[in-house]
């Protein structure tokens, strides 16, 4: 299915150097027809500004174990764009996954299948 009208913002909330996962996920989403806006390492203000300015249909966050930063970002995005879906991946401990899920965020920890992530993006943006 062609998703060219659907835009996904990808950001890292952790200041680590691990880029393989987010890069692979971004490529899989792009290959599925999404326009991916990769802003890299970003703070809460950067993520919220990009979500609004880029008029995205979905936000994807790479957590990298920094759950507090991610939660702040998620809550701010939800205040500004309440209906904007958010999903997260990366090194997410089980207790943090529960916190994210309680906020309505779908969680894809290491080992998640790319097909499942693409399917989620299609479902969350209404293209599937």
N, C-alpha and C. Protein backbone atom coordinates (compact mmCIF):
# COMPACT_ATOMS: atom_id res chain seq x y z
N UNK A 1 0.85 -1.18 0.00
CA UNK A 1 0.00 0.00 0.00
C UNK A 1 0.89 1.24 0.00
N UNK A 2 0.53 2.23 -0.78
CA UNK A 2 1.31 3.46 -0.87
C UNK A 2 0.92 4.40 0.26
N UNK A 3 1.90 4.86 1.02
CA UNK A 3 1.66 5.72 2.18
C UNK A 3 2.32 7.08 2.01
N UNK A 4 2.49 7.53 0.77
CA UNK A 4 3.29 8.73 0.53
C UNK A 4 2.77 9.95 1.27
N UNK A 5 1.48 10.01 1.58
CA UNK A 5 0.94 11.16 2.29
C UNK A 5 1.20 11.07 3.80
N UNK A 6 1.63 9.93 4.26
CA UNK A 6 1.83 9.77 5.70
C UNK A 6 3.27 10.05 6.09
N UNK A 7 3.40 10.92 7.09
CA UNK A 7 4.71 11.38 7.54
C UNK A 7 4.96 10.90 8.96
N UNK A 8 6.17 10.38 9.18
CA UNK A 8 6.54 9.88 10.50
C UNK A 8 7.77 10.64 10.99
N UNK A 9 7.66 11.19 12.17
CA UNK A 9 8.79 11.84 12.83
C UNK A 9 9.52 10.80 13.65
N UNK A 10 10.83 10.68 13.43
CA UNK A 10 11.67 9.77 14.20
C UNK A 10 12.67 10.60 14.98
N UNK A 11 12.78 10.32 16.29
CA UNK A 11 13.71 11.06 17.14
C UNK A 11 14.29 10.13 18.19
N UNK A 12 15.49 10.46 18.64
CA UNK A 12 16.14 9.75 19.75
C UNK A 12 16.04 10.62 21.00
N UNK A 13 15.58 10.03 22.09
CA UNK A 13 15.49 10.79 23.34
C UNK A 13 16.71 10.60 24.21
N UNK A 14 17.55 9.65 23.85
CA UNK A 14 18.76 9.38 24.63
C UNK A 14 19.99 9.86 23.89
N UNK A 15 20.93 10.40 24.64
CA UNK A 15 22.15 10.93 24.02
C UNK A 15 23.22 9.85 23.95
N UNK A 16 22.86 8.73 23.36
CA UNK A 16 23.84 7.66 23.17
C UNK A 16 24.22 7.61 21.69
N UNK A 17 25.16 6.80 21.37
CA UNK A 17 25.64 6.72 19.99
C UNK A 17 25.07 5.55 19.21
N UNK A 18 24.01 4.94 19.69
CA UNK A 18 23.44 3.77 19.03
C UNK A 18 22.42 4.19 17.98
N UNK A 19 22.82 4.05 16.73
CA UNK A 19 21.98 4.50 15.62
C UNK A 19 21.47 3.38 14.74
N UNK A 20 21.98 2.17 14.92
CA UNK A 20 21.60 1.08 14.02
C UNK A 20 20.10 0.84 14.03
N UNK A 21 19.50 0.67 15.21
CA UNK A 21 18.07 0.39 15.30
C UNK A 21 17.20 1.47 14.66
N UNK A 22 17.37 2.75 15.07
CA UNK A 22 16.53 3.79 14.48
C UNK A 22 16.73 3.93 12.98
N UNK A 23 17.95 3.72 12.52
CA UNK A 23 18.22 3.83 11.09
C UNK A 23 17.54 2.71 10.31
N UNK A 24 17.61 1.50 10.84
CA UNK A 24 16.98 0.35 10.18
C UNK A 24 15.45 0.52 10.17
N UNK A 25 14.89 0.97 11.28
CA UNK A 25 13.44 1.19 11.34
C UNK A 25 13.03 2.29 10.37
N UNK A 26 13.77 3.39 10.33
CA UNK A 26 13.45 4.49 9.42
C UNK A 26 13.48 4.01 7.97
N UNK A 27 14.46 3.20 7.63
CA UNK A 27 14.56 2.69 6.25
C UNK A 27 13.39 1.77 5.94
N UNK A 28 13.01 0.90 6.87
CA UNK A 28 11.87 0.00 6.64
C UNK A 28 10.59 0.80 6.44
N UNK A 29 10.41 1.86 7.22
CA UNK A 29 9.22 2.70 7.07
C UNK A 29 9.24 3.43 5.73
N UNK A 30 10.40 3.94 5.36
CA UNK A 30 10.54 4.62 4.07
C UNK A 30 10.25 3.64 2.93
N UNK A 31 10.81 2.43 3.03
CA UNK A 31 10.59 1.43 1.99
C UNK A 31 9.12 1.02 1.89
N UNK A 32 8.37 1.18 2.99
CA UNK A 32 6.94 0.88 2.99
C UNK A 32 6.12 2.05 2.44
N UNK A 33 6.78 3.14 2.07
CA UNK A 33 6.09 4.26 1.45
C UNK A 33 5.86 5.47 2.33
N UNK A 34 6.32 5.43 3.57
CA UNK A 34 6.17 6.58 4.45
C UNK A 34 7.25 7.62 4.16
N UNK A 35 6.92 8.87 4.42
CA UNK A 35 7.95 9.91 4.44
C UNK A 35 8.45 9.97 5.87
N UNK A 36 9.74 9.78 6.07
CA UNK A 36 10.32 9.75 7.40
C UNK A 36 11.14 11.01 7.61
N UNK A 37 10.82 11.73 8.67
CA UNK A 37 11.57 12.92 9.06
C UNK A 37 12.40 12.51 10.27
N UNK A 38 13.70 12.35 10.06
CA UNK A 38 14.60 11.87 11.12
C UNK A 38 15.30 13.09 11.70
N UNK A 39 14.99 13.43 12.97
CA UNK A 39 15.63 14.59 13.57
C UNK A 39 16.77 14.21 14.50
N UNK A 40 16.99 12.91 14.68
CA UNK A 40 18.13 12.48 15.49
C UNK A 40 17.92 12.73 16.97
N UNK A 41 19.02 13.00 17.67
CA UNK A 41 18.94 13.25 19.12
C UNK A 41 18.20 14.56 19.34
N UNK A 42 17.18 14.49 20.18
CA UNK A 42 16.32 15.66 20.35
C UNK A 42 15.80 15.75 21.77
N UNK A 43 15.61 16.98 22.21
CA UNK A 43 14.99 17.19 23.51
C UNK A 43 13.47 17.35 23.31
N UNK A 44 12.77 17.54 24.40
CA UNK A 44 11.31 17.65 24.34
C UNK A 44 10.86 18.75 23.41
N UNK A 45 11.45 19.94 23.53
CA UNK A 45 11.04 21.06 22.67
C UNK A 45 11.26 20.76 21.20
N UNK A 46 12.40 20.12 20.87
CA UNK A 46 12.68 19.77 19.48
C UNK A 46 11.63 18.81 18.93
N UNK A 47 11.26 17.83 19.73
CA UNK A 47 10.29 16.83 19.28
C UNK A 47 8.92 17.46 19.07
N UNK A 48 8.47 18.26 20.03
CA UNK A 48 7.16 18.90 19.91
C UNK A 48 7.14 19.86 18.73
N UNK A 49 8.16 20.66 18.58
CA UNK A 49 8.22 21.61 17.46
C UNK A 49 8.18 20.89 16.13
N UNK A 50 8.97 19.83 16.00
CA UNK A 50 8.99 19.08 14.74
C UNK A 50 7.65 18.39 14.48
N UNK A 51 7.01 17.85 15.51
CA UNK A 51 5.71 17.19 15.34
C UNK A 51 4.67 18.17 14.80
N UNK A 52 4.74 19.41 15.26
CA UNK A 52 3.79 20.43 14.81
C UNK A 52 4.21 20.98 13.45
N UNK A 53 5.44 21.43 13.33
CA UNK A 53 5.90 22.08 12.10
C UNK A 53 5.87 21.14 10.90
N UNK A 54 6.19 19.88 11.11
CA UNK A 54 6.24 18.92 10.01
C UNK A 54 4.88 18.27 9.75
N UNK A 55 3.89 18.58 10.59
CA UNK A 55 2.53 18.05 10.44
C UNK A 55 2.54 16.53 10.22
N UNK A 56 3.21 15.84 11.14
CA UNK A 56 3.38 14.40 11.00
C UNK A 56 2.11 13.64 11.42
N UNK A 57 2.05 12.41 10.96
CA UNK A 57 0.92 11.53 11.26
C UNK A 57 1.23 10.54 12.37
N UNK A 58 2.51 10.45 12.75
CA UNK A 58 2.95 9.50 13.75
C UNK A 58 4.31 9.94 14.27
N UNK A 59 4.56 9.73 15.56
CA UNK A 59 5.88 10.00 16.14
C UNK A 59 6.48 8.68 16.58
N UNK A 60 7.72 8.45 16.19
CA UNK A 60 8.47 7.28 16.62
C UNK A 60 9.66 7.73 17.45
N UNK A 61 9.77 7.23 18.66
CA UNK A 61 10.86 7.61 19.55
C UNK A 61 11.77 6.43 19.82
N UNK A 62 13.07 6.67 19.75
CA UNK A 62 14.04 5.69 20.19
C UNK A 62 14.42 6.08 21.60
N UNK A 63 14.13 5.22 22.56
CA UNK A 63 14.26 5.56 23.97
C UNK A 63 15.69 5.44 24.48
N UNK A 64 16.35 4.37 24.20
CA UNK A 64 17.72 4.21 24.67
C UNK A 64 17.86 4.18 26.18
N UNK A 65 16.83 3.75 26.89
CA UNK A 65 16.90 3.61 28.34
C UNK A 65 16.58 4.87 29.12
N UNK A 66 16.40 6.00 28.47
CA UNK A 66 16.15 7.27 29.16
C UNK A 66 14.64 7.54 29.22
N UNK A 67 13.97 6.84 30.08
CA UNK A 67 12.52 6.87 30.12
C UNK A 67 11.97 8.22 30.56
N UNK A 68 12.63 8.92 31.49
CA UNK A 68 12.11 10.20 31.97
C UNK A 68 12.04 11.24 30.86
N UNK A 69 13.07 11.31 30.04
CA UNK A 69 13.08 12.25 28.92
C UNK A 69 11.96 11.88 27.94
N UNK A 70 11.82 10.60 27.67
CA UNK A 70 10.78 10.14 26.75
C UNK A 70 9.39 10.48 27.27
N UNK A 71 9.15 10.24 28.53
CA UNK A 71 7.83 10.52 29.10
C UNK A 71 7.51 12.01 29.04
N UNK A 72 8.48 12.86 29.35
CA UNK A 72 8.26 14.31 29.22
C UNK A 72 7.88 14.67 27.79
N UNK A 73 8.60 14.11 26.83
CA UNK A 73 8.33 14.40 25.43
C UNK A 73 6.95 13.91 25.01
N UNK A 74 6.61 12.71 25.42
CA UNK A 74 5.31 12.14 25.07
C UNK A 74 4.18 12.98 25.63
N UNK A 75 4.28 13.35 26.90
CA UNK A 75 3.22 14.15 27.52
C UNK A 75 3.05 15.50 26.83
N UNK A 76 4.16 16.12 26.45
CA UNK A 76 4.08 17.42 25.76
C UNK A 76 3.46 17.27 24.36
N UNK A 77 3.86 16.23 23.64
CA UNK A 77 3.25 15.99 22.32
C UNK A 77 1.76 15.75 22.49
N UNK A 78 1.37 14.98 23.48
CA UNK A 78 -0.04 14.70 23.72
C UNK A 78 -0.82 15.94 24.11
N UNK A 79 -0.18 16.90 24.77
CA UNK A 79 -0.84 18.17 25.10
C UNK A 79 -1.08 19.00 23.84
N UNK A 80 -0.09 19.03 22.97
CA UNK A 80 -0.15 19.88 21.78
C UNK A 80 -0.95 19.24 20.65
N UNK A 81 -0.78 17.93 20.48
CA UNK A 81 -1.49 17.19 19.42
C UNK A 81 -2.06 15.91 20.04
N UNK A 82 -3.18 16.03 20.75
CA UNK A 82 -3.71 14.91 21.53
C UNK A 82 -4.01 13.63 20.73
N UNK A 83 -4.36 13.75 19.47
CA UNK A 83 -4.72 12.55 18.70
C UNK A 83 -3.55 11.96 17.92
N UNK A 84 -2.38 12.54 18.06
CA UNK A 84 -1.21 12.06 17.32
C UNK A 84 -0.68 10.77 17.96
N UNK A 85 -0.67 9.67 17.21
CA UNK A 85 -0.16 8.42 17.79
C UNK A 85 1.36 8.46 17.94
N UNK A 86 1.83 7.71 18.93
CA UNK A 86 3.26 7.65 19.23
C UNK A 86 3.62 6.18 19.46
N UNK A 87 4.76 5.78 18.87
CA UNK A 87 5.29 4.48 19.24
C UNK A 87 6.75 4.64 19.59
N UNK A 88 7.27 3.67 20.33
CA UNK A 88 8.63 3.78 20.84
C UNK A 88 9.36 2.46 20.72
N UNK A 89 10.66 2.56 20.55
CA UNK A 89 11.50 1.39 20.48
C UNK A 89 12.83 1.67 21.16
N UNK A 90 13.67 0.67 21.14
CA UNK A 90 14.98 0.83 21.76
C UNK A 90 15.08 0.03 23.04
N UNK A 91 16.10 0.32 23.80
CA UNK A 91 16.33 -0.39 25.06
C UNK A 91 15.35 0.14 26.10
N UNK A 92 14.30 -0.62 26.30
CA UNK A 92 13.22 -0.20 27.19
C UNK A 92 13.00 -1.30 28.22
N UNK A 93 13.37 -1.04 29.47
CA UNK A 93 13.15 -2.05 30.52
C UNK A 93 11.65 -2.33 30.69
N UNK A 94 11.30 -3.50 31.18
CA UNK A 94 9.88 -3.86 31.33
C UNK A 94 9.07 -2.83 32.13
N UNK A 95 9.63 -2.29 33.22
CA UNK A 95 8.86 -1.30 34.00
C UNK A 95 8.60 -0.04 33.17
N UNK A 96 9.56 0.34 32.35
CA UNK A 96 9.40 1.52 31.49
C UNK A 96 8.39 1.25 30.38
N UNK A 97 8.40 0.04 29.84
CA UNK A 97 7.42 -0.33 28.80
C UNK A 97 6.00 -0.18 29.36
N UNK A 98 5.81 -0.58 30.61
CA UNK A 98 4.49 -0.45 31.23
C UNK A 98 4.09 1.02 31.38
N UNK A 99 5.05 1.86 31.75
CA UNK A 99 4.77 3.30 31.88
C UNK A 99 4.38 3.89 30.53
N UNK A 100 5.09 3.51 29.48
CA UNK A 100 4.79 4.02 28.14
C UNK A 100 3.43 3.53 27.67
N UNK A 101 3.16 2.26 27.87
CA UNK A 101 1.87 1.71 27.46
C UNK A 101 0.72 2.37 28.20
N UNK A 102 0.93 2.74 29.45
CA UNK A 102 -0.10 3.44 30.23
C UNK A 102 -0.40 4.81 29.62
N UNK A 103 0.55 5.37 28.88
CA UNK A 103 0.35 6.65 28.20
C UNK A 103 -0.22 6.46 26.79
N UNK A 104 -0.50 5.22 26.42
CA UNK A 104 -1.06 4.95 25.09
C UNK A 104 0.00 4.77 24.00
N UNK A 105 1.23 4.56 24.41
CA UNK A 105 2.34 4.41 23.46
C UNK A 105 2.58 2.93 23.21
N UNK A 106 2.67 2.54 21.94
CA UNK A 106 3.03 1.17 21.61
C UNK A 106 4.54 1.04 21.73
N UNK A 107 4.99 -0.11 22.24
CA UNK A 107 6.40 -0.31 22.55
C UNK A 107 6.97 -1.47 21.73
N UNK A 108 8.13 -1.21 21.12
CA UNK A 108 8.83 -2.21 20.30
C UNK A 108 10.27 -2.31 20.79
N UNK A 109 10.53 -3.22 21.74
CA UNK A 109 11.87 -3.37 22.30
C UNK A 109 12.79 -4.11 21.33
N UNK A 110 14.08 -4.21 21.66
CA UNK A 110 15.00 -4.95 20.80
C UNK A 110 14.46 -6.35 20.51
N UNK A 111 14.66 -6.77 19.28
CA UNK A 111 14.14 -8.07 18.86
C UNK A 111 12.80 -7.99 18.17
N UNK A 112 12.16 -6.82 18.20
CA UNK A 112 10.89 -6.67 17.50
C UNK A 112 11.12 -6.81 16.00
N UNK A 113 10.16 -7.35 15.33
CA UNK A 113 10.26 -7.56 13.88
C UNK A 113 9.90 -6.28 13.13
N UNK A 114 10.69 -5.99 12.09
CA UNK A 114 10.42 -4.81 11.28
C UNK A 114 9.01 -4.84 10.68
N UNK A 115 8.57 -6.01 10.27
CA UNK A 115 7.23 -6.13 9.70
C UNK A 115 6.16 -5.71 10.72
N UNK A 116 6.38 -6.03 12.00
CA UNK A 116 5.42 -5.64 13.03
C UNK A 116 5.42 -4.12 13.23
N UNK A 117 6.59 -3.51 13.14
CA UNK A 117 6.70 -2.06 13.30
C UNK A 117 6.03 -1.35 12.13
N UNK A 118 6.28 -1.83 10.91
CA UNK A 118 5.64 -1.25 9.73
C UNK A 118 4.13 -1.44 9.80
N UNK A 119 3.69 -2.63 10.19
CA UNK A 119 2.24 -2.87 10.34
C UNK A 119 1.63 -1.90 11.34
N UNK A 120 2.33 -1.67 12.46
CA UNK A 120 1.84 -0.73 13.47
C UNK A 120 1.75 0.68 12.89
N UNK A 121 2.76 1.09 12.14
CA UNK A 121 2.74 2.42 11.53
C UNK A 121 1.56 2.56 10.57
N UNK A 122 1.30 1.52 9.79
CA UNK A 122 0.17 1.57 8.87
C UNK A 122 -1.15 1.64 9.64
N UNK A 123 -1.26 0.85 10.69
CA UNK A 123 -2.49 0.85 11.49
C UNK A 123 -2.69 2.18 12.21
N UNK A 124 -1.61 2.70 12.82
CA UNK A 124 -1.71 3.93 13.60
C UNK A 124 -1.96 5.17 12.73
N UNK A 125 -1.55 5.10 11.47
CA UNK A 125 -1.79 6.24 10.56
C UNK A 125 -3.03 6.04 9.71
N UNK A 126 -3.70 4.90 9.90
CA UNK A 126 -4.94 4.65 9.17
C UNK A 126 -4.75 4.24 7.72
N UNK A 127 -3.57 3.75 7.38
CA UNK A 127 -3.34 3.32 6.00
C UNK A 127 -3.55 1.83 5.82
N UNK A 128 -3.87 1.14 6.90
CA UNK A 128 -4.11 -0.30 6.82
C UNK A 128 -5.41 -0.66 7.48
